[in-house]
Amino acid sequence: MTAEATSASTSASPTARQVWTRTRGVALGVVVLLIGAVAIAVIRSGAQHGRLDPRSADPYGSRAVAELLADRGVSTDVVTTLDEARTSAGPDTTLLIAVPDLLTRGQQQLVREATRRSGGRTVLVTPRASLGILAHGVSADPAISYDSLLDPSCALPAARRAGSADTGGIRYLTSDTRADTCYPSDGLPTLVRVPAASGPGDTVVLGAPDILYNDRLDEHGNASLALQLLGSRTHLVWYLPSLSDATATDSGGQGLLDLLPSGWLWGTLQLFVAAALAALWRARRLGPLVPERLPVAIRASETVEGRARLYRKATARDRAAAALRTASRTRLAPLIGVPAPQAHTPEALLPVLSAHLRADGRSLHALLFGPPPGDDAALIALADQLDALEREVRRP
């Protein structure tokens, strides 16, 4: 068997079949995850269509509220741009912002300026981050209410007439002593009404959108509460924030990290810590090297012949000569009393070797430290001379 054939048969590179065998479990898991993600996206895409849209008859739409308000003489206009929402603000208008947290800081400032002294009502549905601008003195509690149906427990006439309703969701804290705090859960309200600083206007913060959904409107006091909150003025503007709005490109001077919620930053930090611990765990598993037992025993002569053929194929006479000379110097040094670390230093090896053989130091230097041979014949002659030198040193 040739060296090339031996090298090919003992190659450590995995074949395509081996790679597939090792990775098919991971590939199958990825395919299952992708199929599950697509299925969930398809299912949820239909369930959330028209969410909080007064034109939608879907379970999560709000068309029923708009029709009941129309029966009571309240007109409803749907707007998707900030400019339309700002120009409609007035004393006879209720402005409902479906998802106020989608507004940028600049958009929130513009809405606040338009509604602060308009004398109308502003209804915010499940706000969190936008409360600092849209509802001064109100902040969201990190813990939400797990009870959906709550009692009013306040003096607000609309809440007292409606009775219990599905307002359980985000809980709020307020420092405004004039505010009405209704439908508390564990002592914190889920509905807050903050009067304007001047004029008849006010801001209503609603912790859950359930009372506006089509499929929940006929339960408990949901319809009564929704109609009273949205029907206090003759005109209702239903603002559905859209990313296509030109004013949505204004981030208010915020950078990318400012726009990311804090949970993402903490999650990324935890991933880095977990990766570091995993790397440490895997590194500690690596112990000392363990010699591997070969499936077959290879004779030393075959190894020498194989390496010699490789040297010959590469025309590496310089490397072959260096290997021969290094091996000879390593074997000669202990025979003449030279320390092993100095065996490859001419100044330490040659004087002792010359004295031991009573030979010319120049010829020994050319033999043990000379230039590489110019052809194969010279390489063979070098090997013969090194063997003769070793025999002479070993001769008693």
Protein backbone atom coordinates (compact mmCIF):
# COMPACT_ATOMS: atom_id res chain seq x y z
CA MET A 1 0.00 0.00 0.00
CA THR A 2 1.41 3.40 -1.00
CA ALA A 3 1.67 6.44 1.27
CA GLU A 4 -0.97 8.28 -0.79
CA ALA A 5 -3.45 5.42 -0.41
CA THR A 6 -2.74 5.18 3.31
CA SER A 7 -3.31 8.92 3.71
CA ALA A 8 -6.61 8.74 1.80
CA SER A 9 -7.90 5.75 3.82
CA THR A 10 -7.12 7.39 7.16
CA SER A 11 -8.42 10.89 6.29
CA ALA A 12 -10.07 12.68 9.23
CA SER A 13 -12.34 14.80 7.03
CA PRO A 14 -16.01 13.72 7.50
CA THR A 15 -17.93 12.54 4.49
CA ALA A 16 -21.24 14.03 3.38
CA ARG A 17 -23.07 11.04 4.85
CA GLN A 18 -21.37 11.52 8.22
CA VAL A 19 -22.19 15.22 8.24
CA TRP A 20 -25.85 14.49 7.50
CA THR A 21 -25.99 11.82 10.22
CA ARG A 22 -24.62 14.24 12.79
CA THR A 23 -26.75 17.23 11.86
CA ARG A 24 -30.05 15.68 10.83
CA GLY A 25 -31.46 16.01 14.36
CA VAL A 26 -30.72 19.74 14.47
CA ALA A 27 -32.02 20.22 10.93
CA LEU A 28 -35.25 18.40 11.81
CA GLY A 29 -35.69 20.60 14.89
CA VAL A 30 -35.20 23.76 12.84
CA VAL A 31 -37.75 22.60 10.26
CA VAL A 32 -40.30 21.81 12.98
CA LEU A 33 -39.78 25.25 14.56
CA LEU A 34 -40.23 26.98 11.19
CA ILE A 35 -43.42 25.04 10.46
CA GLY A 36 -44.77 25.86 13.92
CA ALA A 37 -43.92 29.54 13.55
CA VAL A 38 -45.63 29.74 10.17
CA ALA A 39 -48.71 27.93 11.50
CA ILE A 40 -48.98 30.24 14.51
CA ALA A 41 -48.51 33.31 12.32
CA VAL A 42 -51.27 32.15 9.96
CA ILE A 43 -53.65 31.40 12.81
CA ARG A 44 -53.02 34.64 14.66
CA SER A 45 -53.04 36.77 11.53
CA GLY A 46 -56.76 36.08 11.11
CA ALA A 47 -57.65 36.46 14.80
CA GLN A 48 -56.04 39.91 15.16
CA HIS A 49 -57.37 41.44 11.95
CA GLY A 50 -58.92 44.87 12.60
CA ARG A 51 -58.00 44.95 16.28
CA LEU A 52 -59.61 47.99 17.96
CA ASP A 53 -60.83 49.21 14.56
CA PRO A 54 -64.36 50.68 14.72
CA ARG A 55 -64.90 49.54 11.12
CA SER A 56 -64.16 45.87 11.89
CA ALA A 57 -66.78 43.28 12.85
CA ASP A 58 -64.14 40.77 13.97
CA PRO A 59 -64.18 39.59 17.60
CA TYR A 60 -61.35 42.00 18.45
CA GLY A 61 -62.79 44.85 16.39
CA SER A 62 -64.88 47.73 17.77
CA ARG A 63 -67.64 48.19 15.20
CA ALA A 64 -70.37 47.45 17.76
CA VAL A 65 -69.29 50.40 19.93
CA ALA A 66 -69.29 52.76 16.94
CA GLU A 67 -72.81 51.67 15.91
CA LEU A 68 -74.20 52.08 19.42
CA LEU A 69 -72.66 55.55 19.62
CA ALA A 70 -74.15 56.43 16.23
CA ASP A 71 -77.61 55.46 17.56
CA ARG A 72 -77.06 58.02 20.32
CA GLY A 73 -76.05 60.79 17.93
CA VAL A 74 -72.26 60.49 18.33
CA SER A 75 -70.38 60.45 15.02
CA THR A 76 -67.16 58.43 14.70
CA ASP A 77 -64.29 59.29 12.39
CA VAL A 78 -61.31 56.99 11.92
CA VAL A 79 -57.94 58.69 11.35
CA THR A 80 -54.51 57.15 10.86
CA THR A 81 -52.26 60.24 10.76
CA LEU A 82 -51.21 62.59 13.51
CA ASP A 83 -52.16 65.71 11.56
CA GLU A 84 -55.76 64.52 11.25
CA ALA A 85 -55.90 63.73 14.96
CA ARG A 86 -54.49 67.12 15.97
CA THR A 87 -56.79 69.19 13.76
CA SER A 88 -59.87 67.37 15.08
CA ALA A 89 -59.19 68.21 18.75
CA GLY A 90 -61.84 70.47 20.23
CA PRO A 91 -64.31 70.91 23.12
CA ASP A 92 -66.99 68.76 21.43
CA THR A 93 -64.57 65.95 20.48
CA THR A 94 -63.36 62.80 22.19
CA LEU A 95 -59.98 61.64 20.87
CA LEU A 96 -59.34 57.93 21.38
CA ILE A 97 -55.76 56.74 20.77
CA ALA A 98 -55.89 52.99 20.25
CA VAL A 99 -52.18 52.21 20.80
CA PRO A 100 -50.52 55.32 22.27
CA ASP A 101 -47.19 53.57 22.86
CA LEU A 102 -46.69 53.33 19.08
CA LEU A 103 -46.31 57.10 18.94
CA THR A 104 -42.80 58.50 18.99
CA ARG A 105 -41.80 61.02 21.61
CA GLY A 106 -42.19 63.84 19.11
CA GLN A 107 -45.68 62.65 18.16
CA GLN A 108 -46.65 62.43 21.82
CA GLN A 109 -45.57 66.02 22.38
CA LEU A 110 -47.68 67.21 19.44
CA VAL A 111 -50.74 65.33 20.67
CA ARG A 112 -50.28 66.74 24.16
CA GLU A 113 -50.04 70.31 22.86
CA ALA A 114 -53.19 69.85 20.74
CA THR A 115 -55.34 68.36 23.52
CA ARG A 116 -54.08 70.14 26.64
CA ARG A 117 -56.37 73.17 26.30
CA SER A 118 -58.87 71.90 23.74
CA GLY A 119 -61.57 71.26 26.34
CA GLY A 120 -62.24 67.79 24.90
CA ARG A 121 -61.62 64.31 26.24
CA THR A 122 -58.61 62.12 25.42
CA VAL A 123 -58.90 58.35 25.93
CA LEU A 124 -55.66 56.35 26.06
CA VAL A 125 -55.98 52.57 25.65
CA THR A 126 -53.40 50.51 27.61
CA PRO A 127 -50.60 53.11 27.63
CA ARG A 128 -47.29 52.46 29.38
CA ALA A 129 -44.24 54.33 28.06
CA SER A 130 -46.31 57.22 26.68
CA LEU A 131 -47.84 58.16 30.06
CA GLY A 132 -45.03 60.53 30.97
CA ILE A 133 -46.09 62.92 28.19
CA LEU A 134 -49.74 62.14 27.44
CA ALA A 135 -50.91 61.82 31.06
CA HIS A 136 -48.80 63.78 33.55
CA GLY A 137 -48.73 62.35 37.04
CA VAL A 138 -49.73 58.83 35.94
CA SER A 139 -47.36 55.86 35.64
CA ALA A 140 -47.83 52.16 34.93
CA ASP A 141 -47.19 49.54 37.58
CA PRO A 142 -44.93 46.66 36.42
CA ALA A 143 -47.37 44.06 37.78
CA ILE A 144 -50.59 43.67 35.83
CA SER A 145 -54.01 42.62 37.11
CA TYR A 146 -54.85 38.97 36.59
CA ASP A 147 -58.54 39.60 37.40
CA SER A 148 -60.46 40.74 34.32
CA LEU A 149 -63.79 41.59 36.00
CA LEU A 150 -63.46 44.36 38.58
CA ASP A 151 -65.81 46.60 40.58
CA PRO A 152 -65.68 50.39 40.16
CA SER A 153 -65.02 51.37 43.83
CA CYS A 154 -64.87 55.08 42.96
CA ALA A 155 -67.07 58.19 42.75
CA LEU A 156 -66.86 58.61 38.95
CA PRO A 157 -70.51 58.68 37.74
CA ALA A 158 -69.81 56.73 34.57
CA ALA A 159 -68.15 53.91 36.52
CA ARG A 160 -70.86 53.81 39.21
CA ARG A 161 -73.63 53.56 36.61
CA ALA A 162 -71.80 50.87 34.64
CA GLY A 163 -70.94 48.70 37.64
CA SER A 164 -68.50 45.82 37.26
CA ALA A 165 -66.65 45.66 33.94
CA ASP A 166 -63.73 43.90 32.25
CA THR A 167 -61.11 46.53 32.95
CA GLY A 168 -58.48 44.30 34.52
CA GLY A 169 -55.12 44.73 32.81
CA ILE A 170 -52.43 47.34 33.37
CA ARG A 171 -52.52 48.95 36.82
CA TYR A 172 -51.61 52.59 37.34
CA LEU A 173 -50.26 54.92 39.98
CA THR A 174 -51.09 58.62 40.08
CA SER A 175 -49.85 61.58 42.10
CA ASP A 176 -52.69 63.88 41.00
CA THR A 177 -55.07 64.34 43.93
CA ARG A 178 -57.86 65.44 41.59
CA ALA A 179 -57.79 62.21 39.58
CA ASP A 180 -60.57 59.61 39.72
CA THR A 181 -59.13 56.14 40.30
CA CYS A 182 -61.53 53.33 39.48
CA TYR A 183 -61.68 49.56 39.18
CA PRO A 184 -58.79 48.82 41.54
CA SER A 185 -56.91 45.53 41.57
CA ASP A 186 -54.90 44.89 44.75
CA GLY A 187 -55.21 48.58 45.62
CA LEU A 188 -54.12 50.04 42.27
CA PRO A 189 -56.64 51.35 39.71
CA THR A 190 -56.99 50.06 36.16
CA LEU A 191 -58.95 53.14 35.02
CA VAL A 192 -57.82 56.70 35.80
CA ARG A 193 -59.48 59.98 34.83
CA VAL A 194 -57.24 63.05 35.11
CA PRO A 195 -58.97 66.48 34.78
CA ALA A 196 -57.25 69.12 32.67
CA ALA A 197 -55.33 71.87 34.45
CA SER A 198 -57.80 74.39 33.09
CA GLY A 199 -61.13 74.00 31.32
CA PRO A 200 -63.57 71.10 31.09
CA GLY A 201 -61.23 68.71 29.30
CA ASP A 202 -59.85 65.51 30.80
CA THR A 203 -57.74 62.44 30.01
CA VAL A 204 -58.96 58.89 30.62
CA VAL A 205 -56.38 56.12 30.98
CA LEU A 206 -57.83 52.66 30.30
CA GLY A 207 -55.80 49.65 31.44
CA ALA A 208 -57.53 47.06 29.22
CA PRO A 209 -59.22 47.22 25.78
CA ASP A 210 -61.78 44.50 26.57
CA ILE A 211 -64.76 46.84 26.99
CA LEU A 212 -64.24 48.01 23.37
CA TYR A 213 -64.14 44.55 21.75
CA ASN A 214 -67.13 43.28 19.81
CA ASP A 215 -67.21 39.90 21.58
CA ARG A 216 -67.01 41.41 25.08
CA LEU A 217 -69.29 44.42 24.71
CA ASP A 218 -72.48 42.61 25.84
CA GLU A 219 -70.91 41.26 29.06
CA HIS A 220 -71.32 42.85 32.49
CA GLY A 221 -71.19 46.65 32.37
CA ASN A 222 -68.78 46.85 29.45
CA ALA A 223 -71.19 48.50 27.00
CA SER A 224 -72.39 51.07 29.54
CA LEU A 225 -68.85 52.05 30.53
CA ALA A 226 -67.64 52.26 26.90
CA LEU A 227 -70.58 54.38 25.78
CA GLN A 228 -70.22 56.79 28.67
CA LEU A 229 -66.48 57.21 28.25
CA LEU A 230 -66.66 57.69 24.48
CA GLY A 231 -70.04 59.40 24.21
CA SER A 232 -69.54 62.41 26.50
CA ARG A 233 -69.00 64.58 23.37
CA THR A 234 -70.91 64.65 20.12
CA HIS A 235 -67.93 63.70 18.00
CA LEU A 236 -65.49 60.79 18.43
CA VAL A 237 -62.15 60.67 16.62
CA TRP A 238 -60.70 57.15 16.63
CA TYR A 239 -56.96 57.45 16.09
CA LEU A 240 -55.20 54.28 14.87
CA PRO A 241 -51.46 55.13 14.79
CA SER A 242 -49.78 53.96 11.60
CA LEU A 243 -46.11 53.47 10.74
CA SER A 244 -46.84 54.97 7.32
CA ASP A 245 -47.47 58.34 8.98
CA ALA A 246 -44.77 60.82 7.91
CA THR A 247 -44.42 62.10 11.50
CA ALA A 248 -43.55 58.57 12.70
CA THR A 249 -40.00 58.98 11.35
CA ASP A 250 -39.25 61.50 14.08
CA SER A 251 -37.73 59.69 17.03
CA GLY A 252 -37.37 62.79 19.15
CA GLY A 253 -33.57 62.65 19.21
CA GLN A 254 -33.56 59.11 20.57
CA GLY A 255 -30.95 56.61 19.54
CA LEU A 256 -31.42 52.94 18.72
CA LEU A 257 -30.72 51.81 22.31
CA ASP A 258 -33.24 54.34 23.63
CA LEU A 259 -35.95 52.86 21.43
CA LEU A 260 -35.32 49.30 22.65
CA PRO A 261 -37.32 48.29 25.73
CA SER A 262 -35.31 47.53 28.85
CA GLY A 263 -36.33 43.88 28.73
CA TRP A 264 -34.40 43.35 25.50
CA LEU A 265 -31.23 44.79 27.01
CA TRP A 266 -31.51 42.61 30.11
CA GLY A 267 -32.26 39.59 27.93
CA THR A 268 -29.15 40.22 25.80
CA LEU A 269 -27.01 40.54 28.94
CA GLN A 270 -28.36 37.24 30.25
CA LEU A 271 -27.54 35.56 26.93
CA PHE A 272 -23.94 36.80 27.14
CA VAL A 273 -23.63 35.52 30.73
CA ALA A 274 -25.12 32.16 29.73
CA ALA A 275 -22.72 31.89 26.77
CA ALA A 276 -19.73 32.67 29.02
CA LEU A 277 -20.81 30.05 31.57
CA ALA A 278 -21.35 27.49 28.81
CA ALA A 279 -17.89 28.19 27.39
CA LEU A 280 -16.36 27.82 30.86
CA TRP A 281 -18.24 24.58 31.42
CA ARG A 282 -17.10 23.12 28.11
CA ALA A 283 -13.50 24.26 28.68
CA ARG A 284 -13.34 22.56 32.09
CA ARG A 285 -14.37 19.29 30.48
CA LEU A 286 -11.20 19.23 28.35
CA GLY A 287 -8.67 17.20 30.31
CA PRO A 288 -5.19 15.96 29.36
CA LEU A 289 -4.63 14.43 25.95
CA VAL A 290 -5.36 10.71 25.74
CA PRO A 291 -3.39 8.63 23.24
CA GLU A 292 -5.65 6.93 20.75
CA ARG A 293 -5.09 3.31 19.97
CA LEU A 294 -4.75 2.80 16.24
CA PRO A 295 -6.90 0.13 14.62
CA VAL A 296 -3.81 -1.47 13.10
CA ALA A 297 -0.13 -1.48 14.08
CA ILE A 298 2.16 0.25 11.58
CA ARG A 299 5.81 -0.82 11.46
CA ALA A 300 8.44 1.85 11.94
CA SER A 301 10.05 0.98 8.62
CA GLU A 302 6.80 1.72 6.76
CA THR A 303 6.54 5.10 8.45
CA VAL A 304 10.13 5.93 7.52
CA GLU A 305 9.58 4.85 3.93
CA GLY A 306 6.36 6.83 3.67
CA ARG A 307 7.96 10.00 4.97
CA ALA A 308 10.95 9.47 2.70
CA ARG A 309 8.67 9.22 -0.33
CA LEU A 310 6.92 12.45 0.70
CA TYR A 311 10.28 14.23 1.01
CA ARG A 312 11.33 12.90 -2.36
CA LYS A 313 8.06 13.90 -4.01
CA ALA A 314 8.41 17.44 -2.63
CA THR A 315 12.18 17.59 -3.46
CA ALA A 316 12.73 18.57 0.18
CA ARG A 317 16.39 17.56 0.47
CA ASP A 318 17.02 20.44 2.86
CA ARG A 319 14.38 19.19 5.31
CA ALA A 320 15.57 15.61 5.01
CA ALA A 321 19.19 16.63 5.66
CA ALA A 322 18.18 18.78 8.62
CA ALA A 323 16.25 15.85 10.12
CA LEU A 324 19.22 13.51 9.69
CA ARG A 325 21.71 15.97 11.21
CA THR A 326 19.41 16.82 14.14
CA ALA A 327 18.92 13.14 14.99
CA SER A 328 22.68 12.48 14.79
CA ARG A 329 23.56 15.45 17.05
CA THR A 330 20.91 14.33 19.56
CA ARG A 331 22.42 10.82 19.73
CA LEU A 332 26.05 11.99 19.80
CA ALA A 333 25.73 14.55 22.61
CA PRO A 334 25.21 12.13 25.53
CA LEU A 335 27.93 9.85 24.22
CA ILE A 336 30.61 12.56 24.57
CA GLY A 337 29.24 14.22 27.69
CA VAL A 338 27.55 17.27 26.16
CA PRO A 339 24.23 18.34 27.78
CA ALA A 340 21.19 17.72 25.61
CA PRO A 341 20.14 21.44 25.41
CA GLN A 342 23.61 22.25 23.91
CA ALA A 343 23.63 19.39 21.40
CA HIS A 344 22.64 21.71 18.53
CA THR A 345 25.08 24.51 19.34
CA PRO A 346 28.33 24.28 17.29
CA GLU A 347 30.40 26.08 19.95
CA ALA A 348 29.47 23.49 22.58
CA LEU A 349 29.34 20.26 20.55
CA LEU A 350 32.21 20.49 18.03
CA PRO A 351 35.19 21.13 20.38
CA VAL A 352 34.30 18.15 22.59
CA LEU A 353 33.60 15.95 19.58
CA SER A 354 36.94 16.95 17.92
CA ALA A 355 38.85 16.17 21.11
CA HIS A 356 37.12 12.82 21.44
CA LEU A 357 37.94 11.75 17.86
CA ARG A 358 41.12 13.78 17.37
CA ALA A 359 39.60 14.96 14.06
CA ASP A 360 39.48 18.24 12.16
CA GLY A 361 36.76 20.52 13.49
CA ARG A 362 36.04 22.01 10.05
CA SER A 363 35.08 18.66 8.53
CA LEU A 364 32.84 17.92 11.52
CA HIS A 365 31.20 21.33 11.20
CA ALA A 366 30.48 20.74 7.50
CA LEU A 367 29.09 17.31 8.30
CA LEU A 368 26.85 18.24 11.25
CA PHE A 369 26.00 21.90 10.50
CA GLY A 370 26.78 22.31 6.80
CA PRO A 371 24.56 23.41 3.92
CA PRO A 372 21.89 21.12 2.47
CA PRO A 373 23.01 18.66 -0.23
CA GLY A 374 22.52 19.62 -3.85
CA ASP A 375 21.18 16.29 -5.17
CA ASP A 376 19.93 12.90 -4.03
CA ALA A 377 23.37 11.32 -4.29
CA ALA A 378 24.81 13.93 -1.94
CA LEU A 379 21.91 13.32 0.49
CA ILE A 380 22.66 9.56 0.50
CA ALA A 381 26.36 10.25 1.02
CA LEU A 382 25.48 12.55 3.98
CA ALA A 383 23.43 9.80 5.60
CA ASP A 384 26.29 7.31 5.17
CA GLN A 385 28.83 9.76 6.68
CA LEU A 386 26.59 10.46 9.69
CA ASP A 387 26.21 6.71 10.31
CA ALA A 388 30.00 6.26 10.08
CA LEU A 389 30.55 9.13 12.55
CA GLU A 390 28.18 7.60 15.10
CA ARG A 391 29.85 4.18 14.79
CA GLU A 392 33.26 5.74 15.31
CA VAL A 393 32.10 7.57 18.45
CA ARG A 394 30.49 4.44 19.87
CA ARG A 395 33.65 2.34 19.20
CA PRO A 396 35.40 1.58 22.50
